Amino acid sequence: MAIHINLLHEKVAEKQQRERDPLKLSLLVGIAILGLLGGLHVLSTGEFSKLQREASSLRSELTKLKPQAAEAAKEEQRLQSLVRGSQALTNRAERRMLWGTALETLANAVPREVQISSLAGGLAPGRDTVEILLDGVAAGSEPRTVAEDFRLALRTKFGEIHPGTDARFRVLEDSPATANLDGQSWPCARFVILVSFPHPRTRTN
């Protein structure tokens, strides 16, 4: 009888042990999963903190760079302004006319029978053409012929230096004035002549 009771007790204990094993395994698995999740959470939190630190560092760098960027933008604007000014001066220098040669050519073309009362010169608006406007009188027995010869001489003299030169009358009329040449009084004709030629910088060799 005693032996039977002990065997029964052992069977009950063995059954209870078998019932506890799955529960223990479940608990162990649960603990392992919780541990894994906790580890992932810690890693995620650490990664997030790292990203936050990097973002904060970038914001700090940007804050430092903003004044430098603003200064660089101002410097760029200043340089662009200087470039525009330099280009304007260059264009103006390229378009200017050195009048020494032109005046020398004019002096060589004026005969003793012609007197220039006014002279104006410059660049034609919107064109690369030099214009010289001459206002004066020609004297002689045929003052109009003297004026015509002077016009042709201007075209020839300037044409030798500036191919494409043109010289035209704006005005040619008899004048009531007279001029004294070699002790004689001669009739006069008033003229206005426009001499034009391409600006030297546009000439191709």
N, C-alpha and C. Protein backbone atom coordinates (compact mmCIF):
# COMPACT_ATOMS: atom_id res chain seq x y z
N MET A 1 0.84 -1.21 0.00
CA MET A 1 0.00 0.00 0.00
C MET A 1 0.86 1.24 0.00
N ALA A 2 1.89 1.29 0.81
CA ALA A 2 2.81 2.43 0.89
C ALA A 2 3.53 2.61 -0.42
N ILE A 3 3.94 1.55 -1.02
CA ILE A 3 4.64 1.63 -2.31
C ILE A 3 3.72 2.21 -3.37
N HIS A 4 2.51 1.85 -3.40
CA HIS A 4 1.53 2.37 -4.37
C HIS A 4 1.35 3.87 -4.21
N ILE A 5 1.30 4.34 -2.99
CA ILE A 5 1.11 5.79 -2.73
C ILE A 5 2.31 6.56 -3.24
N ASN A 6 3.49 6.05 -2.98
CA ASN A 6 4.69 6.76 -3.43
C ASN A 6 4.74 6.84 -4.96
N LEU A 7 4.41 5.78 -5.60
CA LEU A 7 4.40 5.81 -7.07
C LEU A 7 3.38 6.80 -7.60
N LEU A 8 2.23 6.84 -6.97
CA LEU A 8 1.20 7.79 -7.39
C LEU A 8 1.68 9.22 -7.20
N HIS A 9 2.36 9.44 -6.08
CA HIS A 9 2.88 10.78 -5.82
C HIS A 9 3.91 11.19 -6.87
N GLU A 10 4.75 10.26 -7.23
CA GLU A 10 5.76 10.55 -8.25
C GLU A 10 5.12 10.85 -9.60
N LYS A 11 4.07 10.12 -9.91
CA LYS A 11 3.38 10.37 -11.19
C LYS A 11 2.74 11.75 -11.20
N VAL A 12 2.14 12.12 -10.07
CA VAL A 12 1.53 13.46 -9.98
C VAL A 12 2.59 14.54 -10.13
N ALA A 13 3.71 14.34 -9.45
CA ALA A 13 4.80 15.34 -9.52
C ALA A 13 5.35 15.44 -10.95
N GLU A 14 5.47 14.28 -11.59
CA GLU A 14 5.97 14.29 -12.97
C GLU A 14 5.02 15.00 -13.90
N LYS A 15 3.71 14.80 -13.68
CA LYS A 15 2.69 15.46 -14.50
C LYS A 15 2.75 16.96 -14.31
N GLN A 16 2.87 17.37 -13.03
CA GLN A 16 2.94 18.81 -12.74
C GLN A 16 4.20 19.43 -13.37
N GLN A 17 5.29 18.67 -13.37
CA GLN A 17 6.53 19.18 -13.96
C GLN A 17 6.38 19.40 -15.46
N ARG A 18 5.66 18.39 -16.09
CA ARG A 18 5.44 18.54 -17.54
C ARG A 18 4.57 19.75 -17.85
N GLU A 19 3.63 20.04 -16.96
CA GLU A 19 2.75 21.19 -17.19
C GLU A 19 3.50 22.51 -16.97
N ARG A 20 4.49 22.46 -16.06
CA ARG A 20 5.22 23.71 -15.80
C ARG A 20 6.21 24.04 -16.94
N ASP A 21 6.77 23.03 -17.59
CA ASP A 21 7.80 23.27 -18.61
C ASP A 21 7.33 24.18 -19.74
N PRO A 22 6.15 23.94 -20.37
CA PRO A 22 5.71 24.86 -21.42
C PRO A 22 5.51 26.28 -20.90
N LEU A 23 4.99 26.39 -19.68
CA LEU A 23 4.79 27.73 -19.11
C LEU A 23 6.12 28.44 -18.92
N LYS A 24 7.11 27.64 -18.45
CA LYS A 24 8.43 28.23 -18.24
C LYS A 24 9.03 28.68 -19.58
N LEU A 25 8.84 27.82 -20.60
CA LEU A 25 9.36 28.19 -21.92
C LEU A 25 8.69 29.44 -22.45
N SER A 26 7.37 29.51 -22.25
CA SER A 26 6.64 30.70 -22.70
C SER A 26 7.16 31.95 -22.02
N LEU A 27 7.39 31.81 -20.69
CA LEU A 27 7.91 32.96 -19.95
C LEU A 27 9.29 33.35 -20.44
N LEU A 28 10.12 32.33 -20.70
CA LEU A 28 11.47 32.62 -21.18
C LEU A 28 11.45 33.30 -22.55
N VAL A 29 10.58 32.78 -23.43
CA VAL A 29 10.45 33.39 -24.76
C VAL A 29 9.96 34.83 -24.64
N GLY A 30 8.96 35.04 -23.77
CA GLY A 30 8.44 36.39 -23.57
C GLY A 30 9.50 37.33 -23.06
N ILE A 31 10.27 36.82 -22.08
CA ILE A 31 11.34 37.66 -21.53
C ILE A 31 12.38 37.99 -22.61
N ALA A 32 12.69 36.98 -23.44
CA ALA A 32 13.67 37.20 -24.51
C ALA A 32 13.16 38.25 -25.50
N ILE A 33 11.87 38.14 -25.86
CA ILE A 33 11.29 39.11 -26.80
C ILE A 33 11.31 40.51 -26.20
N LEU A 34 10.92 40.59 -24.92
CA LEU A 34 10.94 41.91 -24.26
C LEU A 34 12.35 42.47 -24.21
N GLY A 35 13.30 41.59 -23.96
CA GLY A 35 14.69 42.05 -23.94
C GLY A 35 15.13 42.55 -25.30
N LEU A 36 14.73 41.82 -26.36
CA LEU A 36 15.08 42.24 -27.71
C LEU A 36 14.46 43.58 -28.05
N LEU A 37 13.16 43.69 -27.72
CA LEU A 37 12.47 44.97 -27.98
C LEU A 37 13.12 46.10 -27.20
N GLY A 38 13.47 45.79 -25.95
CA GLY A 38 14.13 46.82 -25.14
C GLY A 38 15.45 47.24 -25.76
N GLY A 39 16.20 46.23 -26.24
CA GLY A 39 17.47 46.56 -26.88
C GLY A 39 17.28 47.40 -28.12
N LEU A 40 16.29 47.01 -28.93
CA LEU A 40 16.00 47.81 -30.13
C LEU A 40 15.60 49.22 -29.76
N HIS A 41 14.81 49.34 -28.69
CA HIS A 41 14.38 50.67 -28.25
C HIS A 41 15.59 51.51 -27.84
N VAL A 42 16.49 50.85 -27.10
CA VAL A 42 17.69 51.57 -26.67
C VAL A 42 18.52 52.01 -27.88
N LEU A 43 18.67 51.08 -28.85
CA LEU A 43 19.42 51.43 -30.05
C LEU A 43 18.75 52.56 -30.82
N SER A 44 17.41 52.46 -30.96
CA SER A 44 16.66 53.50 -31.68
C SER A 44 16.80 54.84 -30.98
N THR A 45 16.68 54.79 -29.64
CA THR A 45 16.81 56.04 -28.88
C THR A 45 18.20 56.63 -29.04
N GLY A 46 19.21 55.76 -29.01
CA GLY A 46 20.58 56.24 -29.19
C GLY A 46 20.80 56.83 -30.57
N GLU A 47 20.26 56.15 -31.60
CA GLU A 47 20.38 56.66 -32.97
C GLU A 47 19.67 57.98 -33.12
N PHE A 48 18.48 58.09 -32.54
CA PHE A 48 17.71 59.33 -32.61
C PHE A 48 18.46 60.47 -31.93
N SER A 49 19.04 60.16 -30.77
CA SER A 49 19.81 61.17 -30.05
C SER A 49 21.01 61.62 -30.89
N LYS A 50 21.64 60.66 -31.57
CA LYS A 50 22.78 61.00 -32.43
C LYS A 50 22.34 61.91 -33.57
N LEU A 51 21.19 61.58 -34.18
CA LEU A 51 20.67 62.43 -35.26
C LEU A 51 20.33 63.82 -34.75
N GLN A 52 19.77 63.88 -33.53
CA GLN A 52 19.46 65.18 -32.95
C GLN A 52 20.73 66.01 -32.75
N ARG A 53 21.76 65.36 -32.27
CA ARG A 53 23.03 66.07 -32.06
C ARG A 53 23.61 66.57 -33.38
N GLU A 54 23.53 65.72 -34.42
CA GLU A 54 24.04 66.12 -35.73
C GLU A 54 23.23 67.29 -36.29
N ALA A 55 21.91 67.22 -36.13
CA ALA A 55 21.05 68.31 -36.61
C ALA A 55 21.36 69.60 -35.87
N SER A 56 21.56 69.49 -34.56
CA SER A 56 21.90 70.67 -33.77
C SER A 56 23.23 71.26 -34.21
N SER A 57 24.19 70.36 -34.50
CA SER A 57 25.50 70.82 -34.96
C SER A 57 25.40 71.53 -36.31
N LEU A 58 24.57 70.96 -37.20
CA LEU A 58 24.38 71.59 -38.51
C LEU A 58 23.73 72.96 -38.38
N ARG A 59 22.72 73.05 -37.49
CA ARG A 59 22.07 74.35 -37.28
C ARG A 59 23.06 75.37 -36.75
N SER A 60 23.93 74.92 -35.86
CA SER A 60 24.95 75.81 -35.31
C SER A 60 25.90 76.28 -36.40
N GLU A 61 26.31 75.35 -37.28
CA GLU A 61 27.20 75.71 -38.38
C GLU A 61 26.53 76.69 -39.33
N LEU A 62 25.24 76.44 -39.63
CA LEU A 62 24.51 77.34 -40.52
C LEU A 62 24.40 78.73 -39.91
N THR A 63 24.16 78.77 -38.60
CA THR A 63 24.07 80.06 -37.91
C THR A 63 25.38 80.83 -38.03
N LYS A 64 26.49 80.10 -37.94
CA LYS A 64 27.79 80.75 -38.07
C LYS A 64 28.05 81.20 -39.51
N LEU A 65 27.55 80.40 -40.47
CA LEU A 65 27.83 80.69 -41.88
C LEU A 65 26.95 81.79 -42.45
N LYS A 66 25.79 82.05 -41.83
CA LYS A 66 24.86 83.05 -42.37
C LYS A 66 25.52 84.42 -42.53
N PRO A 67 26.21 84.95 -41.50
CA PRO A 67 26.86 86.25 -41.69
C PRO A 67 27.89 86.22 -42.80
N GLN A 68 28.64 85.10 -42.90
CA GLN A 68 29.63 84.98 -43.96
C GLN A 68 28.97 84.95 -45.33
N ALA A 69 27.83 84.24 -45.42
CA ALA A 69 27.10 84.17 -46.69
C ALA A 69 26.58 85.55 -47.08
N ALA A 70 26.07 86.29 -46.09
CA ALA A 70 25.56 87.64 -46.37
C ALA A 70 26.70 88.54 -46.83
N GLU A 71 27.84 88.42 -46.18
CA GLU A 71 29.00 89.22 -46.57
C GLU A 71 29.48 88.84 -47.96
N ALA A 72 29.45 87.54 -48.26
CA ALA A 72 29.86 87.08 -49.60
C ALA A 72 28.91 87.61 -50.66
N ALA A 73 27.61 87.64 -50.34
CA ALA A 73 26.63 88.17 -51.31
C ALA A 73 26.89 89.65 -51.56
N LYS A 74 27.19 90.41 -50.49
CA LYS A 74 27.49 91.83 -50.66
C LYS A 74 28.74 92.02 -51.50
N GLU A 75 29.74 91.19 -51.23
CA GLU A 75 30.99 91.29 -51.98
C GLU A 75 30.77 90.97 -53.46
N GLU A 76 29.92 89.97 -53.72
CA GLU A 76 29.61 89.62 -55.11
C GLU A 76 28.91 90.77 -55.82
N GLN A 77 27.96 91.42 -55.13
CA GLN A 77 27.27 92.56 -55.71
C GLN A 77 28.26 93.69 -56.00
N ARG A 78 29.19 93.91 -55.06
CA ARG A 78 30.17 94.98 -55.26
C ARG A 78 31.06 94.68 -56.47
N LEU A 79 31.49 93.41 -56.58
CA LEU A 79 32.33 93.02 -57.71
C LEU A 79 31.58 93.15 -59.04
N GLN A 80 30.30 92.76 -59.03
CA GLN A 80 29.50 92.89 -60.25
C GLN A 80 29.36 94.36 -60.65
N SER A 81 29.19 95.22 -59.64
CA SER A 81 29.09 96.65 -59.91
C SER A 81 30.39 97.18 -60.51
N LEU A 82 31.52 96.71 -59.96
CA LEU A 82 32.82 97.12 -60.50
C LEU A 82 32.99 96.64 -61.94
N VAL A 83 32.55 95.40 -62.20
CA VAL A 83 32.66 94.86 -63.56
C VAL A 83 31.83 95.68 -64.53
N ARG A 84 30.58 96.02 -64.10
CA ARG A 84 29.73 96.83 -64.98
C ARG A 84 30.35 98.20 -65.23
N GLY A 85 30.90 98.80 -64.18
CA GLY A 85 31.55 100.10 -64.35
C GLY A 85 32.75 100.02 -65.25
N SER A 86 33.55 98.96 -65.08
CA SER A 86 34.72 98.77 -65.92
C SER A 86 34.32 98.57 -67.38
N GLN A 87 33.24 97.79 -67.59
CA GLN A 87 32.77 97.55 -68.95
C GLN A 87 32.29 98.85 -69.59
N ALA A 88 31.60 99.68 -68.80
CA ALA A 88 31.12 100.96 -69.32
C ALA A 88 32.29 101.85 -69.72
N LEU A 89 33.33 101.89 -68.86
CA LEU A 89 34.51 102.70 -69.19
C LEU A 89 35.22 102.16 -70.42
N THR A 90 35.27 100.82 -70.53
CA THR A 90 35.91 100.22 -71.70
C THR A 90 35.15 100.57 -72.98
N ASN A 91 33.82 100.47 -72.91
CA ASN A 91 33.01 100.82 -74.08
C ASN A 91 33.19 102.29 -74.45
N ARG A 92 33.23 103.13 -73.41
CA ARG A 92 33.41 104.56 -73.68
C ARG A 92 34.78 104.82 -74.29
N ALA A 93 35.80 104.13 -73.77
CA ALA A 93 37.15 104.32 -74.31
C ALA A 93 37.23 103.83 -75.75
N GLU A 94 36.54 102.72 -76.03
CA GLU A 94 36.56 102.19 -77.40
C GLU A 94 35.84 103.13 -78.37
N ARG A 95 34.82 103.83 -77.85
CA ARG A 95 34.03 104.68 -78.73
C ARG A 95 34.60 106.10 -78.87
N ARG A 96 35.57 106.46 -78.01
CA ARG A 96 36.08 107.83 -78.08
C ARG A 96 36.88 108.02 -79.36
N MET A 97 36.97 109.25 -79.76
CA MET A 97 37.69 109.60 -80.98
C MET A 97 38.89 110.45 -80.61
N LEU A 98 40.07 110.07 -81.08
CA LEU A 98 41.26 110.87 -80.88
C LEU A 98 41.29 111.94 -81.98
N TRP A 99 41.03 113.17 -81.57
CA TRP A 99 40.78 114.23 -82.55
C TRP A 99 42.06 114.86 -83.10
N GLY A 100 43.20 114.55 -82.53
CA GLY A 100 44.43 115.18 -83.01
C GLY A 100 44.66 114.94 -84.49
N THR A 101 44.54 113.69 -84.90
CA THR A 101 44.76 113.35 -86.31
C THR A 101 43.71 114.00 -87.20
N ALA A 102 42.45 114.01 -86.73
CA ALA A 102 41.37 114.60 -87.53
C ALA A 102 41.59 116.09 -87.73
N LEU A 103 42.00 116.79 -86.66
CA LEU A 103 42.23 118.24 -86.78
C LEU A 103 43.43 118.53 -87.68
N GLU A 104 44.45 117.69 -87.59
CA GLU A 104 45.60 117.87 -88.47
C GLU A 104 45.21 117.66 -89.93
N THR A 105 44.40 116.64 -90.18
CA THR A 105 43.93 116.39 -91.55
C THR A 105 43.10 117.56 -92.06
N LEU A 106 42.25 118.09 -91.19
CA LEU A 106 41.42 119.23 -91.57
C LEU A 106 42.28 120.44 -91.90
N ALA A 107 43.28 120.70 -91.07
CA ALA A 107 44.15 121.87 -91.30
C ALA A 107 44.87 121.75 -92.65
N ASN A 108 45.27 120.55 -93.00
CA ASN A 108 45.96 120.35 -94.28
C ASN A 108 45.03 120.48 -95.48
N ALA A 109 43.72 120.35 -95.24
CA ALA A 109 42.76 120.41 -96.35
C ALA A 109 42.21 121.82 -96.58
N VAL A 110 42.39 122.73 -95.63
CA VAL A 110 41.79 124.07 -95.75
C VAL A 110 42.71 124.98 -96.58
N PRO A 111 42.23 125.50 -97.72
CA PRO A 111 43.03 126.43 -98.53
C PRO A 111 42.94 127.86 -97.97
N ARG A 112 43.76 128.74 -98.47
CA ARG A 112 43.77 130.12 -97.98
C ARG A 112 42.49 130.86 -98.31
N GLU A 113 41.72 130.38 -99.32
CA GLU A 113 40.47 131.06 -99.70
C GLU A 113 39.29 130.66 -98.80
N VAL A 114 39.51 129.75 -97.87
CA VAL A 114 38.43 129.26 -97.01
C VAL A 114 38.72 129.62 -95.55
N GLN A 115 37.68 130.10 -94.89
CA GLN A 115 37.79 130.40 -93.47
C GLN A 115 36.72 129.61 -92.72
N ILE A 116 37.14 128.84 -91.70
CA ILE A 116 36.20 128.06 -90.88
C ILE A 116 35.79 128.91 -89.68
N SER A 117 34.51 129.15 -89.55
CA SER A 117 34.01 129.97 -88.44
C SER A 117 33.59 129.13 -87.24
N SER A 118 33.17 127.88 -87.47
CA SER A 118 32.81 127.00 -86.35
C SER A 118 32.99 125.54 -86.76
N LEU A 119 33.26 124.74 -85.76
CA LEU A 119 33.51 123.31 -85.99
C LEU A 119 32.90 122.52 -84.84
N ALA A 120 32.23 121.44 -85.18
CA ALA A 120 31.67 120.55 -84.15
C ALA A 120 31.89 119.11 -84.60
N GLY A 121 32.19 118.25 -83.65
CA GLY A 121 32.44 116.85 -84.00
C GLY A 121 31.98 115.91 -82.91
N GLY A 122 31.71 114.68 -83.31
CA GLY A 122 31.29 113.67 -82.34
C GLY A 122 30.84 112.41 -83.05
N LEU A 123 30.33 111.48 -82.26
CA LEU A 123 29.81 110.22 -82.81
C LEU A 123 28.34 110.38 -83.17
N ALA A 124 27.97 109.87 -84.32
CA ALA A 124 26.57 109.91 -84.72
C ALA A 124 25.75 109.07 -83.75
N PRO A 125 24.59 109.55 -83.30
CA PRO A 125 23.76 108.81 -82.34
C PRO A 125 23.39 107.42 -82.87
N GLY A 126 23.69 106.40 -82.09
CA GLY A 126 23.32 105.04 -82.44
C GLY A 126 24.12 104.42 -83.55
N ARG A 127 25.19 105.09 -83.97
CA ARG A 127 26.01 104.55 -85.06
C ARG A 127 27.48 104.69 -84.73
N ASP A 128 28.30 103.81 -85.29
CA ASP A 128 29.75 103.90 -85.11
C ASP A 128 30.35 104.75 -86.23
N THR A 129 29.85 105.98 -86.30
CA THR A 129 30.29 106.90 -87.35
C THR A 129 30.70 108.22 -86.72
N VAL A 130 31.86 108.71 -87.12
CA VAL A 130 32.34 110.02 -86.65
C VAL A 130 31.82 111.08 -87.61
N GLU A 131 31.30 112.17 -87.04
CA GLU A 131 30.79 113.28 -87.86
C GLU A 131 31.50 114.57 -87.47
N ILE A 132 31.88 115.34 -88.48
CA ILE A 132 32.48 116.66 -88.28
C ILE A 132 31.67 117.66 -89.09
N LEU A 133 31.14 118.67 -88.40
CA LEU A 133 30.32 119.68 -89.06
C LEU A 133 31.12 120.98 -89.14
N LEU A 134 31.32 121.46 -90.36
CA LEU A 134 32.11 122.66 -90.60
C LEU A 134 31.23 123.78 -91.13
N ASP A 135 31.33 124.94 -90.50
CA ASP A 135 30.58 126.13 -90.93
C ASP A 135 31.61 127.20 -91.27
N GLY A 136 31.55 127.73 -92.51
CA GLY A 136 32.54 128.73 -92.89
C GLY A 136 32.17 129.45 -94.18
N VAL A 137 33.15 130.18 -94.70
CA VAL A 137 32.93 130.92 -95.95
C VAL A 137 34.09 130.64 -96.90
N ALA A 138 33.78 130.69 -98.18
CA ALA A 138 34.78 130.54 -99.23
C ALA A 138 34.78 131.82 -100.05
N ALA A 139 35.96 132.29 -100.41
CA ALA A 139 36.07 133.55 -101.15
C ALA A 139 36.80 133.31 -102.47
N GLY A 140 36.46 134.13 -103.47
CA GLY A 140 37.11 134.02 -104.76
C GLY A 140 36.19 134.57 -105.83
N SER A 141 36.70 134.53 -107.05
CA SER A 141 35.86 135.00 -108.14
C SER A 141 34.64 134.11 -108.31
N GLU A 142 34.80 132.83 -108.00
CA GLU A 142 33.70 131.87 -108.01
C GLU A 142 33.67 131.17 -106.63
N PRO A 143 33.11 131.83 -105.65
CA PRO A 143 33.19 131.30 -104.28
C PRO A 143 32.51 129.93 -104.11
N ARG A 144 31.47 129.68 -104.87
CA ARG A 144 30.81 128.37 -104.77
C ARG A 144 31.75 127.26 -105.28
N THR A 145 32.50 127.57 -106.33
CA THR A 145 33.46 126.59 -106.85
C THR A 145 34.56 126.33 -105.84
N VAL A 146 35.00 127.41 -105.16
CA VAL A 146 36.01 127.25 -104.10
C VAL A 146 35.47 126.33 -102.99
N ALA A 147 34.22 126.54 -102.62
CA ALA A 147 33.60 125.71 -101.58
C ALA A 147 33.50 124.25 -102.04
N GLU A 148 33.15 124.05 -103.31
CA GLU A 148 33.06 122.68 -103.84
C GLU A 148 34.42 122.01 -103.86
N ASP A 149 35.46 122.75 -104.26
CA ASP A 149 36.81 122.17 -104.25
C ASP A 149 37.23 121.80 -102.82
N PHE A 150 36.82 122.64 -101.88
CA PHE A 150 37.15 122.35 -100.47
C PHE A 150 36.44 121.07 -100.01
N ARG A 151 35.18 120.90 -100.38
CA ARG A 151 34.44 119.69 -100.02
C ARG A 151 35.13 118.44 -100.57
N LEU A 152 35.54 118.51 -101.85
CA LEU A 152 36.22 117.36 -102.46
C LEU A 152 37.56 117.09 -101.78
N ALA A 153 38.26 118.16 -101.40
CA ALA A 153 39.55 117.99 -100.73
C ALA A 153 39.36 117.31 -99.36
N LEU A 154 38.30 117.69 -98.67
CA LEU A 154 38.00 117.05 -97.38
C LEU A 154 37.76 115.56 -97.56
N ARG A 155 36.97 115.21 -98.55
CA ARG A 155 36.67 113.80 -98.79
C ARG A 155 37.93 113.02 -99.13
N THR A 156 38.81 113.64 -99.93
CA THR A 156 40.04 112.96 -100.33
C THR A 156 41.00 112.80 -99.16
N LYS A 157 41.23 113.90 -98.43
CA LYS A 157 42.20 113.87 -97.32
C LYS A 157 41.77 112.90 -96.21
N PHE A 158 40.52 113.02 -95.80
CA PHE A 158 40.04 112.12 -94.75
C PHE A 158 39.93 110.69 -95.26
N GLY A 159 39.60 110.54 -96.55
CA GLY A 159 39.47 109.20 -97.12
C GLY A 159 40.78 108.44 -97.14
N GLU A 160 41.91 109.17 -97.22
CA GLU A 160 43.21 108.50 -97.20
C GLU A 160 43.46 107.80 -95.86
N ILE A 161 42.89 108.36 -94.80
CA ILE A 161 43.08 107.79 -93.45
C ILE A 161 41.89 106.92 -93.05
N HIS A 162 40.71 107.36 -93.45
CA HIS A 162 39.47 106.66 -93.06
C HIS A 162 38.69 106.28 -94.32
N PRO A 163 38.93 105.10 -94.86
CA PRO A 163 38.17 104.66 -96.04
C PRO A 163 36.67 104.72 -95.76
N GLY A 164 35.93 105.15 -96.77
CA GLY A 164 34.48 105.27 -96.60
C GLY A 164 34.04 106.65 -96.18
N THR A 165 34.97 107.61 -96.22
CA THR A 165 34.65 108.99 -95.84
C THR A 165 33.68 109.61 -96.83
N ASP A 166 32.75 110.40 -96.29
CA ASP A 166 31.80 111.14 -97.13
C ASP A 166 31.82 112.60 -96.68
N ALA A 167 31.65 113.51 -97.61
CA ALA A 167 31.59 114.94 -97.30
C ALA A 167 30.47 115.55 -98.14
N ARG A 168 29.48 116.12 -97.45
CA ARG A 168 28.31 116.66 -98.15
C ARG A 168 27.99 118.07 -97.66
N PHE A 169 27.43 118.84 -98.58
CA PHE A 169 26.96 120.17 -98.20
C PHE A 169 25.65 120.05 -97.43
N ARG A 170 25.58 120.72 -96.33
CA ARG A 170 24.31 120.93 -95.66
C ARG A 170 23.72 122.27 -96.13
N VAL A 171 24.63 123.21 -96.31
CA VAL A 171 24.24 124.55 -96.79
C VAL A 171 25.30 125.03 -97.77
N LEU A 172 24.89 125.63 -98.85
CA LEU A 172 25.79 126.33 -99.78
C LEU A 172 25.00 127.49 -100.38
N GLU A 173 25.39 128.71 -100.00
CA GLU A 173 24.62 129.88 -100.43
C GLU A 173 25.55 131.08 -100.56
N ASP A 174 25.12 132.02 -101.39
CA ASP A 174 25.88 133.26 -101.53
C ASP A 174 25.81 134.05 -100.24
N SER A 175 26.89 134.75 -99.96
CA SER A 175 26.96 135.55 -98.74
C SER A 175 27.14 137.02 -99.11
N PRO A 176 26.51 137.93 -98.36
CA PRO A 176 26.70 139.35 -98.64
C PRO A 176 28.09 139.84 -98.23
N ALA A 177 28.81 139.03 -97.48
CA ALA A 177 30.14 139.43 -97.01
C ALA A 177 31.15 139.33 -98.15
N THR A 178 32.24 140.05 -97.98
CA THR A 178 33.37 139.97 -98.91
C THR A 178 34.64 139.70 -98.12
N ALA A 179 35.64 139.15 -98.80
CA ALA A 179 36.92 138.85 -98.15
C ALA A 179 38.04 139.51 -98.92
N ASN A 180 39.05 139.99 -98.18
CA ASN A 180 40.19 140.68 -98.79
C ASN A 180 41.33 139.69 -98.92
N LEU A 181 41.72 139.40 -100.17
CA LEU A 181 42.82 138.50 -100.44
C LEU A 181 43.79 139.19 -101.38
N ASP A 182 45.07 139.28 -100.96
CA ASP A 182 46.11 139.90 -101.77
C ASP A 182 45.72 141.31 -102.17
N GLY A 183 45.09 142.03 -101.27
CA GLY A 183 44.74 143.42 -101.54
C GLY A 183 43.50 143.59 -102.39
N GLN A 184 42.83 142.51 -102.69
CA GLN A 184 41.61 142.61 -103.49
C GLN A 184 40.42 142.09 -102.68
N SER A 185 39.26 142.61 -102.98
CA SER A 185 38.02 142.20 -102.31
C SER A 185 37.31 141.18 -103.20
N TRP A 186 36.95 140.05 -102.57
CA TRP A 186 36.32 138.97 -103.32
C TRP A 186 34.97 138.62 -102.69
N PRO A 187 34.03 138.21 -103.56
CA PRO A 187 32.73 137.77 -103.02
C PRO A 187 32.88 136.45 -102.25
N CYS A 188 31.92 136.20 -101.41
CA CYS A 188 31.99 135.00 -100.54
C CYS A 188 30.73 134.15 -100.70
N ALA A 189 30.89 132.90 -100.36
CA ALA A 189 29.77 131.96 -100.28
C ALA A 189 29.86 131.26 -98.92
N ARG A 190 28.72 131.17 -98.27
CA ARG A 190 28.69 130.47 -96.97
C ARG A 190 28.38 128.99 -97.21
N PHE A 191 29.03 128.15 -96.42
CA PHE A 191 28.79 126.71 -96.55
C PHE A 191 28.72 126.06 -95.16
N VAL A 192 28.02 124.95 -95.14
CA VAL A 192 28.04 124.03 -94.00
C VAL A 192 28.28 122.65 -94.58
N ILE A 193 29.40 122.05 -94.22
CA ILE A 193 29.78 120.74 -94.77
C ILE A 193 29.81 119.72 -93.63
N LEU A 194 29.19 118.56 -93.90
CA LEU A 194 29.22 117.45 -92.94
C LEU A 194 30.18 116.38 -93.47
N VAL A 195 31.25 116.16 -92.72
CA VAL A 195 32.20 115.10 -93.04
C VAL A 195 31.91 113.92 -92.12
N SER A 196 31.78 112.74 -92.69
CA SER A 196 31.50 111.54 -91.87
C SER A 196 32.37 110.39 -92.34
N PHE A 197 32.78 109.57 -91.38
CA PHE A 197 33.58 108.39 -91.71
C PHE A 197 33.43 107.37 -90.58
N PRO A 198 33.66 106.07 -90.88
CA PRO A 198 33.52 105.03 -89.85
C PRO A 198 34.50 105.28 -88.70
N HIS A 199 34.03 104.97 -87.50
CA HIS A 199 34.92 105.07 -86.34
C HIS A 199 36.13 104.16 -86.56
N PRO A 200 37.33 104.64 -86.23
CA PRO A 200 38.54 103.82 -86.49
C PRO A 200 38.49 102.43 -85.88
N ARG A 201 37.80 102.24 -84.75
CA ARG A 201 37.80 100.92 -84.11
C ARG A 201 36.99 99.89 -84.89
N THR A 202 36.12 100.37 -85.81
CA THR A 202 35.31 99.43 -86.60
C THR A 202 36.00 99.01 -87.88
N ARG A 203 37.14 99.64 -88.16
CA ARG A 203 37.82 99.35 -89.41
C ARG A 203 38.52 98.01 -89.32
N THR A 204 38.37 97.18 -90.35
CA THR A 204 39.04 95.88 -90.41
C THR A 204 40.27 96.00 -91.28
N ASN A 205 41.34 95.35 -90.81
CA ASN A 205 42.59 95.40 -91.58
C ASN A 205 42.59 94.33 -92.68
